Amino acid sequence: MIDVGEFIGYLDDIGINFFCGVPDSQLSPFCDYLEENCRNIIAANEGNAVAIASGYNLSTGNYPVVFLQNSGLGNIVNPVTSLTHRKVYSIPVVYVIGWRGQPGVHDEPQHKKQGEITLDMLELLDIEHFVVDRDTTFGELKSVFENSFLDRLSDGDSVAIVVSKGAFEDYKTAKSNGNALTREEAIRTVTAFLGDSDMIVSTTGKSSRELFEYREEQGHGHGNDFLTVGSMGHSSSIALGVALGSPDRKIFCFDGDGAMLMHMGALALVGSEGPENFYHVMFNNSAHESVGGLPTVMRDMHIDGLVKACGYRNTFNASSIDELKEVLPRFVESPGPAFLNIDVDISSRKDLGRPTTTPAENKRDFMKKLQGE
C-alpha cells in the first residue's frame, strides 16, 4: 500500500503541487490528505477540473494533478481530446483515478461497464497509466515517475495512476457542517408527505439508498421511484424529461448539492421549459458526502437567487424538521418549477444498505407506474 503523505510529499519535491478534481471514495485517503494539508480545488465536474488544470499549466509551466473516479472519464474525454492532447495544445496532466468496477473486484452495477473499459479508454486517449494495488510499494510508484512518467510529461503528454481498492493507506479527517437535520430524516419526511401518484427521480449516492430503505420499511414497493444509481448530476434532467412526458403527475427530483453543481446548466433548461409539475428538492450538506464528505462550493452560493435567475417560479428553504414540515404543503401546492433547499448534516447510518432490486427491475416498475399499470 501507498502512504498518501509520502506520495504527495514526493510530488511536491519534484515540483508537482497543484491539485484539482472531484472526490472519490476509493481515493478518500488521498483527497482527505489534500484537504487537510495542501491547496486543492474541488471542481464542479471532472472536465471542469481538466480545464482549470490546463490554465494552471499555461500560466506556470508546472504539471497539475487532476483526481477523479473512473466514472468521470466520460466528462474528461472532450477536454482531453480537444484541449490537452499532443495533437492540439499538448498540455501535460497527472491523473489520479479511482478504479471502481475493476474486473474481479465486487462493486455496484453502475460501475461495472466503466470498470471494464477504464484501461482501454486511457489507451485510446493516449494517457500512459500505472495501476497501483495493495501490493504496490512507494518505491515502485516513484520508479514509474522517474523512469517513464516524467519524460512523458516533459514531452507534453499526460499520465495516469489508476488506484485499485485498498491501494492507499487509510487517512481520514473529521467533517462537520453544523446542521442538525439528517438527510435520511429529511428524505423520509418529504417522501411520507407525497401522494401515491407523485413520482420521484433520486440522485446517485446515499440519497437513493436511503429512499430505497424507507420504501422497504414501509412496504410501499418501488414503482414511484427512479433510482439514478450512476450518471451523477443528471437526475434533474431525467426528472425534466419525465415531467414533460407525464404532465398529469407531479415529478420530484431528489438532488444533492454536489450532483447539482456538476451539471448546473440543467437548472436553466428546467426554468426555460417551465413544467408546472416539476419539483426540485436539494438535500444540501455542502459536501460530497457519499464519497467521503469533502466540501462543495454550495456553501458559498446564493441558492434562491441562482434558481430564480434560471427561471424557477418559487423557492423554499428549511433547516430543521419543524421548518420542513411547515414548508412542505406550500412547496407541493405551488406551481412548478419549484425548488426546495433543505440544509442537512454530513452523516449517514453505518448500516445503510443498497438497493436489492436491479436497475432493470427499477426501470420496469417505474415505467409501469407512470403508465398506470
Protein backbone atom coordinates (compact mmCIF):
# COMPACT_ATOMS: atom_id res chain seq x y z
CA MET A 1 0.00 0.00 0.00
CA ILE A 2 0.97 3.60 -0.61
CA ASP A 3 1.26 6.18 2.15
CA VAL A 4 -0.50 9.22 0.70
CA GLY A 5 1.62 11.67 2.70
CA GLU A 6 4.80 10.14 1.32
CA PHE A 7 3.42 10.15 -2.22
CA ILE A 8 2.17 13.75 -2.12
CA GLY A 9 5.43 14.82 -0.46
CA TYR A 10 7.36 13.25 -3.33
CA LEU A 11 5.19 15.08 -5.88
CA ASP A 12 5.96 18.34 -4.10
CA ASP A 13 9.68 17.54 -4.17
CA ILE A 14 9.56 17.27 -7.96
CA GLY A 15 7.52 20.46 -8.34
CA ILE A 16 4.05 18.97 -8.71
CA ASN A 17 1.83 20.68 -6.15
CA PHE A 18 -1.35 21.89 -7.85
CA PHE A 19 -4.36 19.63 -7.26
CA CYS A 20 -7.86 19.84 -8.72
CA GLY A 21 -10.61 17.29 -9.14
CA VAL A 22 -13.75 15.56 -7.91
CA PRO A 23 -13.54 13.35 -4.79
CA ASP A 24 -13.91 9.58 -4.96
CA SER A 25 -14.40 7.09 -2.13
CA GLN A 26 -11.57 4.94 -3.45
CA LEU A 27 -9.31 7.98 -3.28
CA SER A 28 -10.54 9.11 0.16
CA PRO A 29 -7.11 8.92 1.87
CA PHE A 30 -5.54 10.92 -0.96
CA CYS A 31 -8.35 13.50 -1.04
CA ASP A 32 -8.53 13.83 2.75
CA TYR A 33 -4.78 14.41 2.94
CA LEU A 34 -5.02 17.12 0.29
CA GLU A 35 -7.91 18.82 2.09
CA GLU A 36 -6.02 18.95 5.37
CA ASN A 37 -2.51 19.67 4.13
CA CYS A 38 -2.49 21.14 0.62
CA ARG A 39 -4.09 23.78 -1.55
CA ASN A 40 -6.58 21.99 -3.77
CA ILE A 41 -9.70 22.82 -5.75
CA ILE A 42 -12.78 20.60 -5.70
CA ALA A 43 -14.21 21.19 -9.15
CA ALA A 44 -17.83 21.12 -10.31
CA ASN A 45 -17.07 18.16 -12.58
CA GLU A 46 -14.08 16.33 -13.95
CA GLY A 47 -13.97 18.16 -17.29
CA ASN A 48 -14.04 21.42 -15.36
CA ALA A 49 -11.03 20.16 -13.37
CA VAL A 50 -9.06 19.41 -16.55
CA ALA A 51 -9.73 22.91 -17.86
CA ILE A 52 -8.62 24.53 -14.58
CA ALA A 53 -5.50 22.35 -14.57
CA SER A 54 -4.79 23.37 -18.16
CA GLY A 55 -5.00 27.04 -17.27
CA TYR A 56 -2.60 26.49 -14.38
CA ASN A 57 -0.10 24.79 -16.70
CA LEU A 58 -0.41 27.62 -19.22
CA SER A 59 0.37 30.21 -16.55
CA THR A 60 3.18 28.40 -14.73
CA GLY A 61 4.53 25.63 -16.95
CA ASN A 62 4.17 23.26 -13.97
CA TYR A 63 2.41 19.90 -14.08
CA PRO A 64 -1.05 19.83 -12.46
CA VAL A 65 -2.73 16.83 -10.81
CA VAL A 66 -6.37 16.01 -11.55
CA PHE A 67 -8.06 13.46 -9.25
CA LEU A 68 -11.29 11.67 -10.14
CA GLN A 69 -13.29 8.47 -10.04
CA ASN A 70 -13.11 6.49 -13.28
CA SER A 71 -16.80 7.29 -13.86
CA GLY A 72 -15.56 10.81 -14.55
CA LEU A 73 -13.55 9.68 -17.57
CA GLY A 74 -16.62 10.39 -19.65
CA ASN A 75 -16.56 14.01 -18.50
CA ILE A 76 -12.89 14.47 -19.45
CA VAL A 77 -12.98 12.94 -22.93
CA ASN A 78 -13.75 16.26 -24.63
CA PRO A 79 -11.07 18.41 -22.95
CA VAL A 80 -8.54 15.57 -23.23
CA THR A 81 -9.11 15.07 -26.96
CA SER A 82 -9.67 18.69 -27.97
CA LEU A 83 -7.50 20.62 -25.47
CA THR A 84 -4.73 18.75 -23.68
CA HIS A 85 -3.85 16.08 -26.28
CA ARG A 86 -0.50 16.32 -28.06
CA LYS A 87 -2.34 16.84 -31.40
CA VAL A 88 -3.86 20.04 -30.01
CA TYR A 89 -2.15 22.07 -27.22
CA SER A 90 -0.08 19.28 -25.68
CA ILE A 91 -0.81 20.17 -22.06
CA PRO A 92 0.60 17.60 -19.60
CA VAL A 93 -1.62 16.45 -16.71
CA VAL A 94 -1.06 13.86 -13.97
CA TYR A 95 -4.31 11.96 -13.35
CA VAL A 96 -5.05 10.06 -10.14
CA ILE A 97 -8.05 7.82 -10.89
CA GLY A 98 -10.07 5.64 -8.53
CA TRP A 99 -10.85 2.35 -10.30
CA ARG A 100 -14.44 1.46 -9.42
CA GLY A 101 -15.87 -1.67 -11.03
CA GLN A 102 -12.41 -3.18 -11.52
CA PRO A 103 -12.83 -6.64 -13.07
CA GLY A 104 -12.67 -9.29 -10.37
CA VAL A 105 -13.49 -6.83 -7.58
CA HIS A 106 -17.08 -6.72 -6.31
CA ASP A 107 -18.80 -3.38 -6.88
CA GLU A 108 -22.18 -1.85 -7.63
CA PRO A 109 -23.87 -2.32 -11.05
CA GLN A 110 -23.39 1.28 -12.18
CA HIS A 111 -19.61 0.81 -12.04
CA LYS A 112 -19.38 -2.48 -13.93
CA LYS A 113 -19.17 -1.28 -17.54
CA GLN A 114 -16.93 1.71 -16.77
CA GLY A 115 -14.66 -0.54 -14.74
CA GLU A 116 -14.30 -2.94 -17.66
CA ILE A 117 -13.26 -0.24 -20.12
CA THR A 118 -11.20 2.08 -17.88
CA LEU A 119 -7.76 0.99 -19.06
CA ASP A 120 -8.94 0.75 -22.68
CA MET A 121 -10.18 4.35 -22.50
CA LEU A 122 -6.83 5.54 -21.20
CA GLU A 123 -5.13 3.72 -24.09
CA LEU A 124 -7.48 5.36 -26.61
CA LEU A 125 -6.79 8.76 -25.06
CA ASP A 126 -3.01 8.18 -25.27
CA ILE A 127 -2.62 8.50 -21.50
CA GLU A 128 0.12 6.21 -20.21
CA HIS A 129 -1.02 4.63 -16.96
CA PHE A 130 0.21 2.61 -14.00
CA VAL A 131 -2.08 0.57 -11.74
CA VAL A 132 -1.39 0.63 -8.01
CA ASP A 133 -2.90 -2.02 -5.73
CA ARG A 134 -2.45 -3.32 -2.19
CA ASP A 135 0.91 -4.85 -3.09
CA THR A 136 2.39 -1.77 -4.78
CA THR A 137 5.16 -0.04 -2.84
CA PHE A 138 6.00 3.63 -2.85
CA GLY A 139 9.38 2.74 -4.31
CA GLU A 140 7.69 1.12 -7.30
CA LEU A 141 5.46 4.13 -7.87
CA LYS A 142 8.41 6.52 -7.57
CA SER A 143 10.34 4.43 -10.07
CA VAL A 144 7.50 4.73 -12.60
CA PHE A 145 7.68 8.51 -12.36
CA GLU A 146 11.45 8.65 -12.68
CA ASN A 147 11.79 6.07 -15.45
CA SER A 148 8.72 6.93 -17.54
CA PHE A 149 6.17 9.49 -16.37
CA LEU A 150 8.47 12.50 -16.03
CA ASP A 151 9.77 12.00 -19.57
CA ARG A 152 6.22 11.75 -20.91
CA LEU A 153 5.17 14.88 -19.06
CA SER A 154 8.17 16.83 -20.35
CA ASP A 155 7.10 15.86 -23.89
CA GLY A 156 3.64 17.33 -23.26
CA ASP A 157 1.83 14.02 -22.72
CA SER A 158 -0.44 13.13 -19.81
CA VAL A 159 -0.06 10.18 -17.44
CA ALA A 160 -2.37 8.40 -15.01
CA ILE A 161 -2.14 6.49 -11.75
CA VAL A 162 -5.08 4.07 -11.58
CA VAL A 163 -5.88 3.25 -7.96
CA SER A 164 -7.34 -0.15 -7.05
CA LYS A 165 -9.40 -0.71 -3.92
CA GLY A 166 -7.21 -0.60 -0.81
CA ALA A 167 -4.11 0.68 -2.61
CA PHE A 168 -3.79 3.74 -0.36
CA GLU A 169 -3.21 3.50 3.38
CA ASP A 170 -6.01 4.97 5.50
CA TYR A 171 -6.05 8.70 6.15
CA LYS A 172 -9.21 10.35 7.44
CA THR A 173 -10.24 13.82 8.53
CA ALA A 174 -13.27 14.81 10.61
CA LYS A 175 -16.09 16.52 8.73
CA SER A 176 -18.97 18.56 10.07
CA ASN A 177 -21.19 21.37 8.81
CA GLY A 178 -23.16 22.10 11.97
CA ASN A 179 -26.56 21.17 10.54
CA ALA A 180 -28.84 19.21 12.87
CA LEU A 181 -31.25 17.60 10.40
CA THR A 182 -30.04 14.35 8.82
CA ARG A 183 -30.58 13.73 5.13
CA GLU A 184 -32.30 10.43 5.84
CA GLU A 185 -34.83 12.08 8.16
CA ALA A 186 -35.45 14.78 5.55
CA ILE A 187 -35.93 12.19 2.77
CA ARG A 188 -38.37 10.21 4.92
CA THR A 189 -40.33 13.36 5.81
CA VAL A 190 -40.65 14.58 2.22
CA THR A 191 -41.50 11.14 0.83
CA ALA A 192 -44.13 10.48 3.50
CA PHE A 193 -45.85 13.75 2.56
CA LEU A 194 -46.21 12.86 -1.13
CA GLY A 195 -49.21 11.17 -2.71
CA ASP A 196 -49.45 7.82 -4.45
CA SER A 197 -49.43 9.40 -7.91
CA ASP A 198 -46.33 11.51 -7.23
CA MET A 199 -43.10 10.24 -8.79
CA ILE A 200 -39.51 10.67 -7.59
CA VAL A 201 -36.23 10.70 -9.52
CA SER A 202 -33.45 10.46 -6.94
CA THR A 203 -29.80 11.24 -7.42
CA THR A 204 -26.85 8.87 -7.22
CA GLY A 205 -25.24 8.00 -3.90
CA LYS A 206 -26.71 7.60 -0.46
CA SER A 207 -29.88 9.58 -1.17
CA SER A 208 -31.22 6.80 -3.39
CA ARG A 209 -30.12 4.18 -0.88
CA GLU A 210 -31.97 5.95 1.93
CA LEU A 211 -35.08 6.34 -0.21
CA PHE A 212 -34.98 2.64 -1.11
CA GLU A 213 -34.67 1.60 2.54
CA TYR A 214 -37.59 3.83 3.54
CA ARG A 215 -39.81 2.23 0.89
CA GLU A 216 -38.76 -1.24 2.06
CA GLU A 217 -39.52 -0.38 5.68
CA GLN A 218 -42.96 0.98 4.77
CA GLY A 219 -43.79 -1.85 2.35
CA HIS A 220 -44.53 0.67 -0.41
CA GLY A 221 -42.83 -1.04 -3.33
CA HIS A 222 -40.51 0.95 -5.58
CA GLY A 223 -42.61 1.85 -8.62
CA ASN A 224 -42.81 5.53 -7.65
CA ASP A 225 -39.04 5.98 -7.60
CA PHE A 226 -36.37 6.02 -10.28
CA LEU A 227 -33.05 5.49 -8.52
CA THR A 228 -30.31 7.17 -10.56
CA VAL A 229 -27.57 4.90 -9.23
CA GLY A 230 -24.97 6.36 -11.63
CA SER A 231 -24.87 9.36 -14.00
CA MET A 232 -24.03 11.87 -11.28
CA GLY A 233 -25.51 15.29 -11.96
CA HIS A 234 -28.14 14.13 -14.42
CA SER A 235 -31.09 13.28 -12.16
CA SER A 236 -32.71 16.70 -12.67
CA SER A 237 -32.53 16.28 -16.44
CA ILE A 238 -34.04 12.81 -16.18
CA ALA A 239 -36.79 14.26 -13.99
CA LEU A 240 -37.35 17.06 -16.51
CA GLY A 241 -37.86 14.51 -19.28
CA VAL A 242 -40.26 12.55 -17.10
CA ALA A 243 -42.18 15.72 -16.19
CA LEU A 244 -42.56 16.74 -19.83
CA GLY A 245 -43.73 13.25 -20.76
CA SER A 246 -46.15 12.91 -17.83
CA PRO A 247 -47.79 16.33 -17.38
CA ASP A 248 -50.63 14.83 -15.33
CA ARG A 249 -48.29 13.81 -12.49
CA LYS A 250 -46.12 15.75 -10.06
CA ILE A 251 -42.48 14.81 -10.59
CA PHE A 252 -40.00 15.30 -7.75
CA CYS A 253 -36.24 15.35 -8.22
CA PHE A 254 -34.30 14.41 -5.08
CA ASP A 255 -30.91 16.01 -5.70
CA GLY A 256 -27.64 16.59 -3.87
CA ASP A 257 -25.62 19.78 -3.88
CA GLY A 258 -22.54 18.12 -5.39
CA ALA A 259 -24.63 16.47 -8.09
CA MET A 260 -26.49 19.67 -8.91
CA LEU A 261 -23.24 21.61 -9.22
CA MET A 262 -21.79 19.00 -11.56
CA HIS A 263 -24.16 19.90 -14.42
CA MET A 264 -25.72 23.14 -13.24
CA GLY A 265 -26.79 24.15 -16.74
CA ALA A 266 -29.69 21.75 -16.26
CA LEU A 267 -31.29 24.34 -13.96
CA ALA A 268 -31.55 26.79 -16.85
CA LEU A 269 -33.21 24.16 -19.03
CA VAL A 270 -35.76 23.37 -16.33
CA GLY A 271 -36.52 27.06 -15.96
CA SER A 272 -36.74 27.57 -19.72
CA GLU A 273 -39.13 24.65 -20.24
CA GLY A 274 -41.10 25.70 -17.16
CA PRO A 275 -43.04 22.50 -16.38
CA GLU A 276 -45.59 23.27 -13.68
CA ASN A 277 -45.36 19.66 -12.42
CA PHE A 278 -41.61 19.80 -11.69
CA TYR A 279 -40.45 19.93 -8.05
CA HIS A 280 -36.73 20.06 -7.28
CA VAL A 281 -35.58 19.11 -3.77
CA MET A 282 -31.92 19.59 -2.89
CA PHE A 283 -30.61 17.87 0.23
CA ASN A 284 -27.77 20.28 0.89
CA ASN A 285 -24.88 19.28 3.13
CA SER A 286 -22.39 21.34 1.07
CA ALA A 287 -20.30 18.19 0.71
CA HIS A 288 -19.63 15.14 -1.45
CA GLU A 289 -20.84 13.01 1.46
CA SER A 290 -21.35 9.76 -0.46
CA VAL A 291 -17.67 9.69 -1.45
CA GLY A 292 -16.03 10.91 1.73
CA GLY A 293 -17.56 14.23 2.79
CA LEU A 294 -15.20 16.77 1.26
CA PRO A 295 -16.80 20.21 0.72
CA THR A 296 -18.56 21.60 -2.33
CA VAL A 297 -18.81 25.30 -3.15
CA MET A 298 -22.57 25.27 -2.50
CA ARG A 299 -21.90 26.77 0.93
CA ASP A 300 -20.71 29.95 -0.84
CA MET A 301 -23.70 30.33 -3.17
CA HIS A 302 -26.94 32.31 -3.00
CA ILE A 303 -29.22 29.41 -3.86
CA ASP A 304 -32.52 31.30 -4.07
CA GLY A 305 -31.02 33.86 -6.41
CA LEU A 306 -29.44 31.16 -8.56
CA VAL A 307 -32.58 29.11 -9.19
CA LYS A 308 -34.81 32.15 -9.62
CA ALA A 309 -32.39 33.54 -12.21
CA CYS A 310 -32.70 30.22 -14.04
CA GLY A 311 -36.48 30.58 -14.24
CA TYR A 312 -37.85 28.60 -11.28
CA ARG A 313 -41.16 30.13 -10.19
CA ASN A 314 -40.91 29.52 -6.45
CA THR A 315 -38.16 28.71 -3.95
CA PHE A 316 -38.35 27.43 -0.39
CA ASN A 317 -35.86 26.64 2.39
CA ALA A 318 -35.74 24.50 5.52
CA SER A 319 -33.00 23.67 8.01
CA SER A 320 -34.91 21.80 10.72
CA ILE A 321 -37.62 19.16 10.85
CA ASP A 322 -40.16 21.72 12.05
CA GLU A 323 -39.32 24.12 9.22
CA LEU A 324 -39.52 21.28 6.72
CA LYS A 325 -42.95 20.18 7.91
CA GLU A 326 -44.15 23.78 7.79
CA VAL A 327 -42.88 24.49 4.28
CA LEU A 328 -43.81 21.21 2.55
CA PRO A 329 -47.52 22.00 1.96
CA ARG A 330 -46.68 25.36 0.37
CA PHE A 331 -43.90 23.80 -1.74
CA VAL A 332 -46.03 20.96 -3.08
CA GLU A 333 -49.04 23.16 -3.83
CA SER A 334 -47.05 25.89 -5.56
CA PRO A 335 -46.80 25.87 -9.37
CA GLY A 336 -43.56 24.45 -10.66
CA PRO A 337 -40.79 24.60 -11.44
CA ALA A 338 -40.37 24.93 -7.69
CA PHE A 339 -37.21 24.47 -5.65
CA LEU A 340 -36.79 23.38 -2.03
CA ASN A 341 -33.36 23.63 -0.38
CA ILE A 342 -33.01 21.53 2.77
CA ASP A 343 -29.86 22.03 4.86
CA VAL A 344 -28.76 18.65 6.22
CA ASP A 345 -25.92 17.14 8.21
CA ILE A 346 -22.88 15.31 6.78
CA SER A 347 -23.78 11.88 8.07
CA SER A 348 -25.37 8.55 7.24
CA ARG A 349 -26.01 5.29 9.01
CA LYS A 350 -23.11 2.85 9.13
CA ASP A 351 -25.52 0.01 8.33
CA LEU A 352 -27.15 1.77 5.36
CA GLY A 353 -27.94 -0.86 2.76
CA ARG A 354 -28.06 -0.79 -1.03
CA PRO A 355 -30.95 -1.43 -3.41
CA THR A 356 -31.72 -5.13 -3.65
CA THR A 357 -33.51 -4.75 -6.98
CA THR A 358 -31.57 -4.45 -10.23
CA PRO A 359 -31.55 -1.23 -12.28
CA ALA A 360 -33.57 -3.02 -14.97
CA GLU A 361 -36.21 -4.04 -12.42
CA ASN A 362 -36.35 -0.48 -11.08
CA LYS A 363 -36.83 0.90 -14.59
CA ARG A 364 -39.60 -1.60 -15.37
CA ASP A 365 -41.54 -0.87 -12.17
CA PHE A 366 -41.16 2.89 -12.61
CA MET A 367 -42.42 2.82 -16.18
CA LYS A 368 -45.37 0.60 -15.25
CA LYS A 369 -46.37 3.04 -12.52
CA LEU A 370 -46.07 6.02 -14.87
CA GLN A 371 -48.26 4.28 -17.42
CA GLY A 372 -50.88 3.45 -14.80
CA GLU A 373 -50.45 -0.33 -14.89
